[in-house]
């Protein structure tokens, strides 16, 4: 169920209660009618309250872990950037200093390991997307230009 279902069900329970009061003020209700109205209003109210409470608990849980998640997210970004710099360094060494076949084989193996670590870090970053959506939007946004020059 979506976020709107809880308040809608609670609203329906309130409407049923108002109808129950209105009908009972005009005529005497039977025991079966009384029981039906009360059980119906109670059931819908409980389900709506449960849905709203669950959504509230999820949101509160996210707010509790956000400060810790931000620092872990920053460390993960730093790790990913560091591994990317390592791949660039390996490529530079391959071009400038790798003269033997054995050196190239070792560099290929090390690069493969580093690329796997980058993939693992990318998967971990994706795991944080639901918890820190604002940080991801900031990360994906193009960097703002620092050039504030004015034309004469």
Protein backbone atom coordinates (compact mmCIF):
# COMPACT_ATOMS: atom_id res chain seq x y z
CA UNK A 1 0.00 0.00 0.00
CA UNK A 2 1.16 3.50 -0.66
CA UNK A 3 1.57 6.44 1.70
CA UNK A 4 -1.96 7.72 1.10
CA UNK A 5 -3.70 4.49 2.10
CA UNK A 6 -3.23 4.96 5.86
CA UNK A 7 -4.77 8.44 6.12
CA UNK A 8 -7.56 7.43 3.71
CA UNK A 9 -8.47 4.41 5.86
CA UNK A 10 -8.40 6.48 9.06
CA UNK A 11 -10.61 9.04 7.31
CA UNK A 12 -13.05 6.30 6.29
CA UNK A 13 -13.13 5.07 9.90
CA UNK A 14 -13.99 8.58 11.07
CA UNK A 15 -16.74 8.91 8.44
CA UNK A 16 -18.19 5.52 9.45
CA UNK A 17 -18.18 6.64 13.09
CA UNK A 18 -19.99 9.88 12.18
CA UNK A 19 -22.55 7.92 10.15
CA UNK A 20 -22.95 5.54 13.10
CA UNK A 21 -23.64 8.47 15.44
CA UNK A 22 -26.04 10.11 12.95
CA UNK A 23 -28.01 6.92 12.33
CA UNK A 24 -28.18 6.05 16.03
CA UNK A 25 -29.51 9.53 16.84
CA UNK A 26 -32.48 9.06 14.46
CA UNK A 27 -33.48 5.52 15.40
CA UNK A 28 -32.67 2.74 17.78
CA UNK A 29 -30.04 0.39 16.32
CA UNK A 30 -30.16 -3.33 16.82
CA UNK A 31 -27.34 -5.11 18.63
CA UNK A 32 -26.15 -6.52 15.30
CA UNK A 33 -26.07 -3.06 13.69
CA UNK A 34 -24.20 -1.63 16.67
CA UNK A 35 -21.67 -4.43 16.53
CA UNK A 36 -21.26 -4.12 12.76
CA UNK A 37 -20.63 -0.36 12.84
CA UNK A 38 -18.20 -0.64 15.73
CA UNK A 39 -16.24 -3.57 14.27
CA UNK A 40 -16.10 -1.94 10.84
CA UNK A 41 -14.88 1.42 12.18
CA UNK A 42 -12.43 -0.27 14.54
CA UNK A 43 -11.03 -2.56 11.82
CA UNK A 44 -10.52 0.18 9.27
CA UNK A 45 -9.07 2.50 11.91
CA UNK A 46 -6.63 -0.14 13.12
CA UNK A 47 -5.45 -1.01 9.61
CA UNK A 48 -5.04 2.68 8.73
CA UNK A 49 -3.19 3.37 11.96
CA UNK A 50 -0.91 0.38 11.36
CA UNK A 51 -0.05 1.57 7.85
CA UNK A 52 0.61 5.12 9.05
CA UNK A 53 2.65 3.87 12.00
CA UNK A 54 4.78 1.63 9.83
CA UNK A 55 5.50 4.47 7.39
CA UNK A 56 6.34 6.75 10.31
CA UNK A 57 8.69 4.16 11.82
CA UNK A 58 10.51 3.70 8.52
CA UNK A 59 10.96 7.45 8.18
CA UNK A 60 12.15 7.78 11.78
CA UNK A 61 14.62 4.94 11.24
CA UNK A 62 16.05 6.68 8.20
CA UNK A 63 16.45 9.91 10.14
CA UNK A 64 18.29 8.08 12.92
CA UNK A 65 20.84 6.47 10.60
CA UNK A 66 21.35 9.46 8.26
CA UNK A 67 24.23 11.06 10.23
CA UNK A 68 26.09 7.75 10.34
CA UNK A 69 25.24 7.00 6.74
CA UNK A 70 26.59 10.36 5.57
CA UNK A 71 30.03 9.69 7.03
CA UNK A 72 30.07 6.15 5.60
CA UNK A 73 28.94 7.54 2.26
CA UNK A 74 31.77 10.11 2.26
CA UNK A 75 34.32 7.41 3.07
CA UNK A 76 32.96 5.24 0.28
CA UNK A 77 33.17 8.13 -2.20
CA UNK A 78 36.76 8.76 -1.08
CA UNK A 79 37.61 5.07 -1.50
CA UNK A 80 36.10 5.00 -5.00
CA UNK A 81 38.05 8.10 -6.05
CA UNK A 82 41.24 6.65 -4.60
CA UNK A 83 40.77 3.39 -6.50
CA UNK A 84 40.09 5.34 -9.70
CA UNK A 85 43.33 7.27 -9.22
CA UNK A 86 45.11 3.94 -8.73
CA UNK A 87 43.78 2.70 -12.09
CA UNK A 88 45.06 5.90 -13.73
CA UNK A 89 48.47 5.38 -12.12
CA UNK A 90 48.59 1.78 -13.35
CA UNK A 91 47.77 2.98 -16.87
CA UNK A 92 50.49 5.64 -16.68
CA UNK A 93 53.04 3.07 -15.49
CA UNK A 94 51.99 0.72 -18.28
CA UNK A 95 52.65 3.41 -20.90
CA UNK A 96 55.89 4.84 -19.52
CA UNK A 97 57.70 2.11 -17.60
CA UNK A 98 56.38 -1.31 -18.55
CA UNK A 99 58.96 -2.73 -20.95
CA UNK A 100 58.77 -6.43 -20.15
CA UNK A 101 55.96 -8.89 -20.75
CA UNK A 102 56.06 -9.99 -17.10
CA UNK A 103 55.56 -6.40 -15.90
CA UNK A 104 52.55 -6.01 -18.20
CA UNK A 105 51.03 -9.24 -16.88
CA UNK A 106 51.44 -8.10 -13.27
CA UNK A 107 49.95 -4.69 -14.09
CA UNK A 108 46.97 -6.36 -15.79
CA UNK A 109 46.34 -8.53 -12.73
CA UNK A 110 46.62 -5.61 -10.32
CA UNK A 111 44.34 -3.52 -12.52
CA UNK A 112 41.78 -6.34 -12.58
CA UNK A 113 41.79 -6.51 -8.79
CA UNK A 114 41.39 -2.73 -8.50
CA UNK A 115 38.55 -2.70 -11.04
CA UNK A 116 36.74 -5.39 -9.03
CA UNK A 117 37.15 -3.25 -5.91
CA UNK A 118 35.70 -0.26 -7.78
CA UNK A 119 32.71 -2.39 -8.82
CA UNK A 120 32.20 -3.49 -5.21
CA UNK A 121 32.37 0.13 -4.03
CA UNK A 122 29.87 1.13 -6.73
CA UNK A 123 27.49 -1.59 -5.53
CA UNK A 124 27.87 -0.36 -1.95
CA UNK A 125 27.13 3.20 -3.09
CA UNK A 126 23.98 1.97 -4.80
CA UNK A 127 22.91 0.37 -1.50
CA UNK A 128 22.99 3.82 0.12
CA UNK A 129 20.85 5.47 -2.60
CA UNK A 130 17.54 4.90 -0.73
CA UNK A 131 18.92 6.19 2.56
CA UNK A 132 20.67 9.31 1.23
CA UNK A 133 18.81 10.47 -1.90
CA UNK A 134 19.83 14.13 -1.46
CA UNK A 135 23.52 13.25 -1.35
CA UNK A 136 23.16 11.22 -4.53
CA UNK A 137 21.42 14.09 -6.32
CA UNK A 138 24.27 16.38 -5.28
CA UNK A 139 26.81 13.81 -6.47
CA UNK A 140 25.12 13.37 -9.84
CA UNK A 141 24.57 17.11 -10.41
CA UNK A 142 27.09 18.83 -12.66
CA UNK A 143 29.64 20.85 -10.68
CA UNK A 144 28.90 24.54 -10.36
CA UNK A 145 31.31 26.84 -12.15
CA UNK A 146 33.55 28.84 -9.86
CA UNK A 147 33.99 31.52 -12.52
CA UNK A 148 32.00 34.57 -11.43
CA UNK A 149 33.51 37.06 -13.86
CA UNK A 150 31.36 39.92 -15.09
CA UNK A 151 31.32 41.41 -18.53
CA UNK A 152 32.15 45.10 -18.96
